[in-house]
Protein backbone atom coordinates (compact mmCIF):
# COMPACT_ATOMS: atom_id res chain seq x y z
CA UNK A 1 -0.45 -0.24 0.19
CA UNK A 2 1.14 3.44 -1.08
CA UNK A 3 2.02 6.12 1.79
CA UNK A 4 -0.02 9.42 2.29
CA UNK A 5 0.37 12.11 4.32
CA UNK A 6 -2.81 14.29 5.71
CA UNK A 7 -2.32 18.31 3.98
CA UNK A 8 -5.60 19.27 5.86
CA UNK A 9 -6.79 18.40 9.17
CA UNK A 10 -9.92 16.12 8.94
CA UNK A 11 -11.97 13.76 11.34
CA UNK A 12 -12.30 10.35 9.43
CA UNK A 13 -16.33 9.22 9.55
CA UNK A 14 -14.81 5.90 8.80
CA UNK A 15 -12.20 5.03 10.90
CA UNK A 16 -14.59 5.73 14.29
CA UNK A 17 -13.97 9.63 14.31
CA UNK A 18 -10.26 9.67 14.08
CA UNK A 19 -8.68 12.99 13.94
CA UNK A 20 -6.25 13.39 11.36
CA UNK A 21 -3.97 16.44 11.59
CA UNK A 22 -1.50 17.84 8.99
CA UNK A 23 1.55 16.06 8.77
CA UNK A 24 -0.05 12.98 10.24
CA UNK A 25 0.41 9.54 8.02
CA UNK A 26 -2.64 8.20 6.49
CA UNK A 27 -4.00 5.30 6.71
CA UNK A 28 -2.98 4.82 10.76
CA UNK A 29 -1.02 1.67 11.51
CA UNK A 30 -3.65 -1.21 11.68
CA UNK A 31 -5.80 0.16 9.20
CA UNK A 32 -6.27 -0.75 5.70
CA UNK A 33 -8.62 1.86 3.76
CA UNK A 34 -10.40 0.84 0.44
CA UNK A 35 -9.27 2.69 -2.88
CA UNK A 36 -12.30 3.90 -3.45
CA UNK A 37 -11.65 5.92 -0.01
CA UNK A 38 -8.11 6.68 -0.93
CA UNK A 39 -9.51 8.34 -4.21
CA UNK A 40 -12.20 10.04 -2.03
CA UNK A 41 -9.95 11.62 0.41
CA UNK A 42 -6.65 12.45 -1.63
CA UNK A 43 -10.15 14.26 -4.50
CA UNK A 44 -12.64 16.63 -3.52
CA UNK A 45 -15.38 14.19 -3.34
CA UNK A 46 -15.89 14.40 0.23
CA UNK A 47 -17.60 16.72 2.92
CA UNK A 48 -14.49 19.54 2.53
CA UNK A 49 -14.34 19.33 -1.02
CA UNK A 50 -11.12 20.05 -1.14
CA UNK A 51 -7.81 16.96 -0.96
CA UNK A 52 -7.13 15.89 2.13
CA UNK A 53 -3.97 13.65 2.04
CA UNK A 54 -1.87 13.33 -0.86
CA UNK A 55 0.49 10.60 -1.61
CA UNK A 56 4.10 10.15 -0.60
CA UNK A 57 7.03 9.00 -2.75
CA UNK A 58 8.73 6.58 -0.91
CA UNK A 59 12.71 7.09 -1.78
CA UNK A 60 14.85 3.78 -1.54
CA UNK A 61 18.12 3.71 -0.35
CA UNK A 62 21.12 3.63 -2.36
CA UNK A 63 23.27 0.66 -0.48
CA UNK A 64 26.93 1.83 -0.62
CA UNK A 65 29.06 -0.34 -2.16
CA UNK A 66 32.65 -1.00 -0.28
CA UNK A 67 36.00 -0.69 -2.31
């Protein structure tokens, strides 16, 4: 699953009214939202009418080669 960061605070009504603040990771550990829910929160089709989360690109660390 991709990683997401909260860009606008919101209360997740589908996760026991969990409050997410700007900068939080979404979803919290142990929660597995549907692709539809991710699409709703990252787009404008939610109660706030603005994107609430954005995908975070994870960089893989390069291995250092010992000479």
